[in-house]
């Protein structure tokens, strides 16, 4: 019987260039359930989150959140059910480095 393990996939600040947030381990399928974005600055910013399939390219085609606008000091919560297979990666970037906190949680399913 598969084991469903709740997990925080990432707790970090987004960079201005696409950066790695999480990689699905071997023999595992992951389910992204929630993304929390927090703009910690006094100005408006944007954030982008991507799911890259194993062996895929880091391109806009893989965006699950594209240039989401966050007002000064705003928090946004996104409820999802995004499936990621073994080797897939979750990547993120912001319009300004170290200004948006990002927390991603979900489940890892192993056989």
Protein backbone atom coordinates (compact mmCIF):
# COMPACT_ATOMS: atom_id res chain seq x y z
CA UNK A 1 0.00 0.00 0.00
CA UNK A 2 1.43 3.42 -0.95
CA UNK A 3 2.52 5.78 1.81
CA UNK A 4 1.24 9.38 1.64
CA UNK A 5 3.63 11.60 3.56
CA UNK A 6 2.78 15.27 4.19
CA UNK A 7 5.79 17.41 3.37
CA UNK A 8 6.93 21.00 3.13
CA UNK A 9 8.66 21.03 -0.25
CA UNK A 10 10.16 24.49 0.05
CA UNK A 11 10.52 27.40 2.42
CA UNK A 12 12.70 30.01 0.79
CA UNK A 13 13.00 33.44 -0.76
CA UNK A 14 12.65 33.61 -4.52
CA UNK A 15 15.61 34.81 -6.58
CA UNK A 16 15.39 37.14 -9.58
CA UNK A 17 16.40 34.22 -11.83
CA UNK A 18 14.68 30.84 -11.89
CA UNK A 19 15.88 28.80 -8.92
CA UNK A 20 15.30 25.25 -7.71
CA UNK A 21 12.71 24.88 -4.94
CA UNK A 22 12.16 21.08 -4.90
CA UNK A 23 13.02 17.87 -6.77
CA UNK A 24 10.79 14.79 -6.61
CA UNK A 25 12.84 11.88 -5.17
CA UNK A 26 13.29 8.52 -6.91
CA UNK A 27 10.33 6.11 -6.77
CA UNK A 28 8.07 8.95 -5.62
CA UNK A 29 5.14 10.94 -6.98
CA UNK A 30 4.52 14.30 -5.35
CA UNK A 31 1.31 16.29 -5.10
CA UNK A 32 1.65 20.07 -4.65
CA UNK A 33 -1.32 21.20 -2.55
CA UNK A 34 -0.49 24.73 -1.43
CA UNK A 35 1.78 27.61 -2.37
CA UNK A 36 2.05 30.65 -0.11
CA UNK A 37 3.73 33.80 -1.48
CA UNK A 38 4.55 36.74 0.80
CA UNK A 39 5.83 40.07 -0.49
CA UNK A 40 8.00 41.41 2.35
CA UNK A 41 8.68 44.78 0.74
CA UNK A 42 6.98 48.18 0.49
CA UNK A 43 6.60 47.88 -3.30
CA UNK A 44 4.61 45.74 -5.72
CA UNK A 45 6.37 42.64 -7.12
CA UNK A 46 5.61 39.57 -9.22
CA UNK A 47 6.33 35.86 -8.73
CA UNK A 48 6.39 32.88 -11.08
CA UNK A 49 6.35 29.18 -10.12
CA UNK A 50 7.09 26.36 -12.60
CA UNK A 51 6.83 22.57 -12.59
CA UNK A 52 9.48 21.13 -14.90
CA UNK A 53 8.99 17.48 -15.93
CA UNK A 54 12.00 15.21 -15.53
CA UNK A 55 14.41 16.07 -18.34
CA UNK A 56 12.29 19.08 -19.39
CA UNK A 57 13.38 22.66 -19.99
CA UNK A 58 12.87 25.61 -17.63
CA UNK A 59 10.46 27.60 -19.82
CA UNK A 60 7.23 29.56 -19.48
CA UNK A 61 5.36 26.55 -20.92
CA UNK A 62 5.72 24.92 -17.49
CA UNK A 63 4.32 27.81 -15.41
CA UNK A 64 1.65 26.98 -12.85
CA UNK A 65 1.69 30.61 -11.60
CA UNK A 66 2.87 33.28 -14.08
CA UNK A 67 3.98 36.74 -12.96
CA UNK A 68 1.46 36.81 -10.11
CA UNK A 69 1.27 40.41 -8.86
CA UNK A 70 1.68 40.92 -5.11
CA UNK A 71 1.08 44.34 -3.61
CA UNK A 72 3.36 45.70 -0.89
CA UNK A 73 3.32 43.39 2.16
CA UNK A 74 0.67 41.14 0.57
CA UNK A 75 0.25 37.41 1.22
CA UNK A 76 -1.39 35.14 -1.36
CA UNK A 77 -2.36 31.49 -0.85
CA UNK A 78 -2.92 29.15 -3.80
CA UNK A 79 -4.67 25.79 -3.33
CA UNK A 80 -3.60 23.28 -6.00
CA UNK A 81 -3.58 19.61 -6.94
CA UNK A 82 -0.53 19.53 -9.19
CA UNK A 83 1.05 16.09 -9.72
CA UNK A 84 4.82 15.81 -10.13
CA UNK A 85 6.52 12.57 -11.20
CA UNK A 86 9.96 11.26 -10.17
CA UNK A 87 12.73 13.67 -11.19
CA UNK A 88 10.42 16.62 -11.84
CA UNK A 89 11.46 19.93 -10.32
CA UNK A 90 9.66 22.92 -8.88
CA UNK A 91 11.31 26.24 -9.70
CA UNK A 92 10.49 29.85 -8.89
CA UNK A 93 11.53 33.43 -9.54
CA UNK A 94 10.49 36.94 -8.57
CA UNK A 95 10.78 40.40 -10.10
CA UNK A 96 13.23 41.28 -7.28
CA UNK A 97 15.56 38.90 -5.45
CA UNK A 98 15.05 38.04 -1.76
CA UNK A 99 11.79 40.01 -1.57
CA UNK A 100 9.15 37.26 -1.84
CA UNK A 101 8.97 34.41 0.63
CA UNK A 102 7.67 31.15 -0.84
CA UNK A 103 6.34 28.12 1.03
CA UNK A 104 5.20 25.04 -0.87
CA UNK A 105 3.61 22.00 0.73
CA UNK A 106 1.92 18.80 -0.33
CA UNK A 107 2.38 15.04 -0.22
CA UNK A 108 4.98 12.55 -1.34
CA UNK A 109 3.54 9.19 -2.40
CA UNK A 110 5.85 6.18 -2.35
CA UNK A 111 5.09 2.56 -3.14
